[in-house]
Protein backbone atom coordinates (compact mmCIF):
# COMPACT_ATOMS: atom_id res chain seq x y z
CA UNK A 1 -14.97 17.13 36.26
CA UNK A 2 -14.84 20.85 35.46
CA UNK A 3 -16.67 21.98 32.34
CA UNK A 4 -13.71 24.01 31.03
CA UNK A 5 -11.61 20.86 30.70
CA UNK A 6 -13.55 19.97 27.55
CA UNK A 7 -12.33 23.08 25.74
CA UNK A 8 -8.83 22.61 27.15
CA UNK A 9 -8.81 19.06 25.81
CA UNK A 10 -9.76 20.07 22.29
CA UNK A 11 -6.93 22.62 22.28
CA UNK A 12 -4.57 19.68 22.74
CA UNK A 13 -6.04 17.66 19.85
CA UNK A 14 -6.00 20.80 17.68
CA UNK A 15 -2.28 21.29 18.35
CA UNK A 16 -1.50 17.68 17.43
CA UNK A 17 -3.67 17.81 14.32
CA UNK A 18 -2.10 21.03 13.03
CA UNK A 19 1.45 19.78 13.60
CA UNK A 20 0.88 16.45 11.87
CA UNK A 21 -1.11 18.03 9.02
CA UNK A 22 2.05 19.87 7.99
CA UNK A 23 3.53 16.46 7.12
CA UNK A 24 0.50 15.28 5.14
CA UNK A 25 1.42 13.55 1.89
CA UNK A 26 5.18 13.51 2.54
CA UNK A 27 5.23 9.72 2.77
CA UNK A 28 6.93 9.61 6.19
CA UNK A 29 4.70 7.95 8.81
CA UNK A 30 7.30 8.28 11.55
CA UNK A 31 7.62 12.03 10.96
CA UNK A 32 3.84 12.50 10.96
CA UNK A 33 3.48 10.64 14.26
CA UNK A 34 6.45 12.38 15.86
CA UNK A 35 5.12 15.85 15.03
CA UNK A 36 1.73 14.96 16.54
CA UNK A 37 3.31 13.55 19.71
CA UNK A 38 5.59 16.55 20.25
CA UNK A 39 2.77 19.06 19.78
CA UNK A 40 0.40 17.12 22.03
CA UNK A 41 2.96 16.80 24.81
CA UNK A 42 3.65 20.55 24.72
CA UNK A 43 -0.03 21.46 24.66
CA UNK A 44 -0.71 19.31 27.73
CA UNK A 45 1.60 21.59 29.74
CA UNK A 46 -1.12 24.26 29.77
CA UNK A 47 -3.87 21.97 31.09
CA UNK A 48 -4.74 22.33 34.77
CA UNK A 49 -4.70 18.61 35.52
CA UNK A 50 -2.47 15.98 37.05
CA UNK A 51 -2.83 13.57 34.16
CA UNK A 52 -1.49 10.06 33.70
CA UNK A 53 -1.36 8.35 30.31
CA UNK A 54 -3.08 4.97 30.62
CA UNK A 55 -3.48 4.28 26.90
CA UNK A 56 -0.56 5.69 24.94
CA UNK A 57 2.08 4.93 22.38
CA UNK A 58 4.04 2.29 24.25
CA UNK A 59 6.30 1.83 27.24
CA UNK A 60 8.75 4.36 28.70
CA UNK A 61 11.73 3.02 26.73
CA UNK A 62 9.92 3.91 23.50
CA UNK A 63 10.11 7.66 24.26
CA UNK A 64 9.76 10.29 22.79
CA UNK A 65 6.31 8.80 22.36
CA UNK A 66 3.65 9.61 24.95
CA UNK A 67 4.29 6.45 26.95
CA UNK A 68 2.04 4.51 29.30
CA UNK A 69 2.47 5.93 32.79
CA UNK A 70 3.76 9.32 31.63
CA UNK A 71 2.49 12.24 33.71
CA UNK A 72 1.21 15.27 31.81
CA UNK A 73 -0.48 18.56 32.59
CA UNK A 74 0.36 21.40 34.96
CA UNK A 75 0.34 19.01 37.97
CA UNK A 76 0.12 21.64 40.71
CA UNK A 77 -1.62 21.25 44.07
CA UNK A 78 -5.36 21.06 43.63
CA UNK A 79 -5.32 19.99 39.98
CA UNK A 80 -7.66 17.01 39.43
CA UNK A 81 -6.10 13.60 38.91
CA UNK A 82 -7.17 12.33 35.51
CA UNK A 83 -6.47 9.26 33.42
CA UNK A 84 -5.85 9.70 29.70
CA UNK A 85 -6.30 7.48 26.67
CA UNK A 86 -4.81 9.03 23.57
CA UNK A 87 -3.62 8.59 20.03
CA UNK A 88 -1.80 11.71 18.85
CA UNK A 89 -2.32 10.57 15.27
CA UNK A 90 -4.81 7.81 14.57
CA UNK A 91 -3.99 6.73 11.05
CA UNK A 92 -0.34 7.69 10.66
CA UNK A 93 -0.20 6.23 7.16
CA UNK A 94 -3.45 8.01 6.27
CA UNK A 95 -1.76 11.31 7.05
CA UNK A 96 1.62 10.40 5.56
CA UNK A 97 0.09 9.37 2.23
CA UNK A 98 -2.68 11.96 2.08
CA UNK A 99 -5.58 9.57 2.60
CA UNK A 100 -8.85 10.50 4.34
CA UNK A 101 -9.80 9.96 7.97
CA UNK A 102 -6.68 10.69 10.08
CA UNK A 103 -7.49 12.10 13.54
CA UNK A 104 -5.84 13.38 16.71
CA UNK A 105 -7.74 11.75 19.58
CA UNK A 106 -7.86 12.02 23.40
CA UNK A 107 -10.24 10.63 26.02
CA UNK A 108 -10.06 11.67 29.68
CA UNK A 109 -11.72 10.35 32.83
CA UNK A 110 -11.15 10.46 36.59
CA UNK A 111 -8.60 7.96 37.88
CA UNK A 112 -9.59 4.36 37.17
CA UNK A 113 -11.84 5.24 34.24
CA UNK A 114 -10.02 3.25 31.54
CA UNK A 115 -8.99 -0.36 31.12
CA UNK A 116 -5.20 -0.58 31.16
CA UNK A 117 -5.19 -2.40 27.85
CA UNK A 118 -1.89 -3.75 26.52
CA UNK A 119 -0.77 -2.85 23.02
CA UNK A 120 -2.00 -6.06 21.42
CA UNK A 121 -4.93 -7.06 19.24
CA UNK A 122 -8.57 -7.03 20.30
CA UNK A 123 -11.56 -8.56 18.51
CA UNK A 124 -14.36 -5.96 18.49
CA UNK A 125 -17.96 -5.38 17.63
CA UNK A 126 -19.43 -1.87 17.82
CA UNK A 127 -22.83 -0.36 17.07
CA UNK A 128 -24.74 2.86 17.54
CA UNK A 129 -27.59 3.47 20.01
CA UNK A 130 -30.06 1.26 18.12
CA UNK A 131 -27.84 -1.78 18.69
CA UNK A 132 -27.39 -1.40 22.45
CA UNK A 133 -28.19 -4.72 24.14
CA UNK A 134 -28.77 -6.36 20.76
CA UNK A 135 -25.39 -7.51 19.45
CA UNK A 136 -23.15 -10.10 21.10
CA UNK A 137 -19.52 -10.72 20.14
CA UNK A 138 -19.93 -14.41 21.00
CA UNK A 139 -22.44 -14.80 18.14
CA UNK A 140 -21.58 -15.05 14.47
CA UNK A 141 -21.50 -12.01 12.21
CA UNK A 142 -24.58 -13.36 10.45
CA UNK A 143 -26.57 -13.61 13.68
CA UNK A 144 -25.53 -10.12 14.76
CA UNK A 145 -26.52 -8.65 11.41
CA UNK A 146 -29.91 -10.35 11.63
CA UNK A 147 -30.47 -9.04 15.16
CA UNK A 148 -29.46 -5.52 14.18
CA UNK A 149 -31.64 -5.53 11.07
CA UNK A 150 -34.64 -6.63 13.15
CA UNK A 151 -34.27 -3.86 15.72
CA UNK A 152 -33.66 -1.26 12.99
CA UNK A 153 -36.71 -2.56 11.11
CA UNK A 154 -34.76 -3.11 7.90
CA UNK A 155 -33.41 -6.14 6.07
CA UNK A 156 -29.83 -7.34 6.35
CA UNK A 157 -29.19 -6.19 2.78
CA UNK A 158 -29.88 -2.62 3.99
CA UNK A 159 -27.01 -2.77 6.50
CA UNK A 160 -23.38 -1.74 5.99
CA UNK A 161 -20.56 -3.21 8.08
CA UNK A 162 -17.17 -1.55 8.37
CA UNK A 163 -14.07 -3.76 8.59
CA UNK A 164 -10.31 -3.22 8.51
CA UNK A 165 -8.97 -4.51 5.19
CA UNK A 166 -6.61 -7.20 6.46
CA UNK A 167 -5.90 -10.80 5.37
CA UNK A 168 -7.06 -12.00 8.81
CA UNK A 169 -10.57 -10.76 7.97
CA UNK A 170 -11.06 -12.64 4.70
CA UNK A 171 -13.46 -15.20 6.21
CA UNK A 172 -15.32 -12.49 8.16
CA UNK A 173 -15.79 -10.35 5.05
CA UNK A 174 -17.01 -13.34 3.08
CA UNK A 175 -19.55 -14.18 5.81
CA UNK A 176 -20.88 -10.60 5.92
CA UNK A 177 -21.34 -10.58 2.16
CA UNK A 178 -22.95 -14.02 2.17
CA UNK A 179 -25.40 -12.79 4.83
CA UNK A 180 -26.46 -10.06 2.37
CA UNK A 181 -24.94 -6.97 3.99
CA UNK A 182 -22.62 -4.47 2.35
CA UNK A 183 -19.00 -4.07 3.48
CA UNK A 184 -16.99 -0.86 3.79
CA UNK A 185 -13.28 -1.71 3.89
CA UNK A 186 -10.83 0.69 5.52
CA UNK A 187 -7.04 0.62 5.62
CA UNK A 188 -6.67 2.21 9.08
CA UNK A 189 -8.61 4.11 11.73
CA UNK A 190 -10.98 1.87 13.66
CA UNK A 191 -11.68 4.56 16.31
CA UNK A 192 -13.07 6.68 13.49
CA UNK A 193 -14.98 3.63 12.24
CA UNK A 194 -16.55 2.88 15.63
CA UNK A 195 -17.76 6.47 15.99
CA UNK A 196 -19.24 6.26 12.48
CA UNK A 197 -21.72 3.61 13.69
CA UNK A 198 -23.33 6.28 15.89
CA UNK A 199 -23.84 8.82 13.11
CA UNK A 200 -26.62 8.08 10.64
CA UNK A 201 -25.19 10.27 7.91
CA UNK A 202 -22.15 7.97 7.58
CA UNK A 203 -24.28 5.02 6.47
CA UNK A 204 -22.30 2.68 8.76
CA UNK A 205 -24.33 0.31 10.94
CA UNK A 206 -21.83 -1.98 12.63
CA UNK A 207 -18.09 -2.53 13.08
CA UNK A 208 -16.59 -6.02 13.07
CA UNK A 209 -13.08 -7.37 13.38
CA UNK A 210 -9.69 -7.39 15.02
CA UNK A 211 -7.80 -4.15 15.63
CA UNK A 212 -5.68 -2.64 18.36
CA UNK A 213 -6.74 -3.00 22.01
CA UNK A 214 -5.77 0.62 22.86
CA UNK A 215 -8.00 1.81 20.02
CA UNK A 216 -10.78 -0.28 21.56
CA UNK A 217 -10.55 1.78 24.75
CA UNK A 218 -10.60 5.06 22.81
CA UNK A 219 -13.59 3.87 20.79
CA UNK A 220 -15.38 2.87 24.00
CA UNK A 221 -14.85 6.36 25.44
CA UNK A 222 -16.46 7.91 22.36
CA UNK A 223 -19.33 5.41 22.23
CA UNK A 224 -20.02 5.95 25.94
CA UNK A 225 -20.66 9.61 25.13
CA UNK A 226 -22.84 8.76 22.12
CA UNK A 227 -24.84 5.92 23.75
CA UNK A 228 -23.38 3.33 21.43
CA UNK A 229 -22.03 -0.06 22.44
CA UNK A 230 -18.77 -1.93 21.99
CA UNK A 231 -17.60 -5.36 23.11
CA UNK A 232 -14.10 -6.73 22.86
CA UNK A 233 -11.92 -9.75 23.56
CA UNK A 234 -8.13 -9.57 23.75
CA UNK A 235 -6.23 -11.67 21.21
CA UNK A 236 -2.92 -13.11 22.42
CA UNK A 237 -0.08 -14.18 20.15
CA UNK A 238 2.06 -15.71 22.91
CA UNK A 239 2.54 -16.20 26.66
CA UNK A 240 4.51 -12.97 26.99
CA UNK A 241 1.49 -11.00 25.81
CA UNK A 242 -0.71 -12.82 28.32
CA UNK A 243 1.70 -12.03 31.16
CA UNK A 244 1.86 -8.37 30.15
CA UNK A 245 -1.94 -8.15 30.01
CA UNK A 246 -2.25 -9.59 33.51
CA UNK A 247 0.32 -7.11 34.79
CA UNK A 248 -1.31 -4.06 33.22
CA UNK A 249 -4.91 -5.04 33.87
CA UNK A 250 -4.35 -6.43 37.36
CA UNK A 251 -6.65 -9.40 36.83
CA UNK A 252 -6.50 -13.07 35.89
CA UNK A 253 -9.57 -13.41 33.66
CA UNK A 254 -8.00 -11.75 30.63
CA UNK A 255 -9.96 -13.87 28.12
CA UNK A 256 -13.38 -12.59 29.15
CA UNK A 257 -15.63 -10.45 26.97
CA UNK A 258 -15.03 -6.80 27.80
CA UNK A 259 -18.10 -4.57 27.70
CA UNK A 260 -18.39 -0.82 27.40
CA UNK A 261 -18.12 -0.24 31.16
CA UNK A 262 -15.04 -2.46 31.37
CA UNK A 263 -13.26 -0.42 28.72
CA UNK A 264 -14.34 3.12 29.70
CA UNK A 265 -16.35 4.14 32.75
CA UNK A 266 -17.31 7.19 34.79
CA UNK A 267 -17.52 10.76 33.55
CA UNK A 268 -15.65 10.58 30.25
CA UNK A 269 -14.56 13.46 28.03
CA UNK A 270 -13.63 12.76 24.42
CA UNK A 271 -12.07 15.07 21.85
CA UNK A 272 -10.98 14.47 18.26
CA UNK A 273 -9.66 16.87 15.62
CA UNK A 274 -9.50 16.01 11.94
CA UNK A 275 -6.07 15.85 10.33
CA UNK A 276 -7.13 14.75 6.86
CA UNK A 277 -10.73 15.11 5.71
CA UNK A 278 -12.92 12.07 6.27
CA UNK A 279 -16.57 11.22 6.80
CA UNK A 280 -16.46 12.28 10.44
CA UNK A 281 -14.41 15.49 10.40
CA UNK A 282 -12.78 17.88 7.96
CA UNK A 283 -9.02 17.96 7.91
CA UNK A 284 -6.75 20.89 8.75
CA UNK A 285 -6.95 23.59 6.08
CA UNK A 286 -4.04 25.99 5.93
CA UNK A 287 -4.80 29.57 4.89
CA UNK A 288 -2.77 32.77 4.78
CA UNK A 289 -1.46 33.43 8.29
CA UNK A 290 -3.24 30.52 9.94
CA UNK A 291 -5.45 27.47 9.50
CA UNK A 292 -8.93 26.05 10.10
CA UNK A 293 -9.63 22.99 12.22
CA UNK A 294 -12.72 20.82 12.70
CA UNK A 295 -13.21 18.99 16.01
CA UNK A 296 -15.66 16.84 17.93
CA UNK A 297 -15.97 17.21 21.73
CA UNK A 298 -18.22 14.96 23.83
CA UNK A 299 -19.05 14.31 27.45
CA UNK A 300 -20.66 11.11 28.70
CA UNK A 301 -22.42 12.56 31.76
CA UNK A 302 -24.44 15.10 29.80
CA UNK A 303 -24.46 13.37 26.41
CA UNK A 304 -23.53 16.67 24.82
CA UNK A 305 -21.79 16.41 21.46
CA UNK A 306 -20.18 19.61 20.20
CA UNK A 307 -18.72 20.20 16.76
CA UNK A 308 -16.15 23.00 16.80
CA UNK A 309 -14.80 24.72 13.71
CA UNK A 310 -11.91 26.97 14.72
CA UNK A 311 -9.80 29.55 12.95
CA UNK A 312 -6.21 29.79 14.22
CA UNK A 313 -4.08 32.91 13.83
CA UNK A 314 -0.41 31.92 13.81
CA UNK A 315 0.77 35.49 14.39
CA UNK A 316 -1.12 35.83 17.66
CA UNK A 317 -0.73 32.19 18.72
CA UNK A 318 2.76 31.04 17.74
CA UNK A 319 2.29 27.60 19.35
CA UNK A 320 0.72 26.51 16.07
CA UNK A 321 3.57 27.59 13.83
CA UNK A 322 6.04 25.10 12.39
CA UNK A 323 8.61 26.26 14.96
CA UNK A 324 6.46 24.70 17.67
CA UNK A 325 6.74 27.57 20.14
CA UNK A 326 4.44 27.53 23.14
CA UNK A 327 1.63 30.05 23.35
CA UNK A 328 1.92 32.70 26.00
């Protein structure tokens, strides 16, 4: 994978973040998501890749979303064939209602690098580097907290777990508290939450609970770059979801535990740009004639993690104006 693709990729997340940030606080989740999708699709046109969306916003009939199977990029002879996992706006309601932690996110890998996960639920557990080889999704939350505390040389009461605030997690949250750990509840954004387990300054030690399967793949891409770990198991509501999973994944054992390498493998690039300010990244800040963005760019092969703070001049780069024109 060419080194310059990392910078190209962050230009795409920047475009989506800027477009959606203009809708921040307007209370319209659909508008926020649509602006991010449109900007991301346009920005992909400048990338010298033959890209295929493997994790996207749904099937073709749900267009104008970036749908599963959509081809993006310049797509000329000689351009590398890449698979993409993306969420133009992770946390649409966070952006729409002015809450912290919304991101524009993309992961990219050579063909075959991502699990073709259906848009259903996935039970997940994620930890930073200290927890690699320690946690096991088949064990109880209590046992995993005890294992993690032992390897971190702390007590369970020193640990903080992050969990989506949903009725389905009431028993899980109660168990974590009974075990002695603290709980950070979030309304949305479990890709952001998984990454937080790898950064000591967030104070987050472990992620538990059921969220989206596509977000599990995106989280795995990020954790692969940061030497974290994630495990997941798909959660099926009916036989139709099982059939769709078999079709997308091309395998029969769809109930198995999926490890990091099952979800994201090979030479992975990951980019995220903050839309609204959270613990991980600052949000888009509009200033006279332009804006500031804050992004994270990572590569699994080298382990390099770059934090990029960029200043955008709308006069010289009209692609970032509200008119949505493409840059020359």
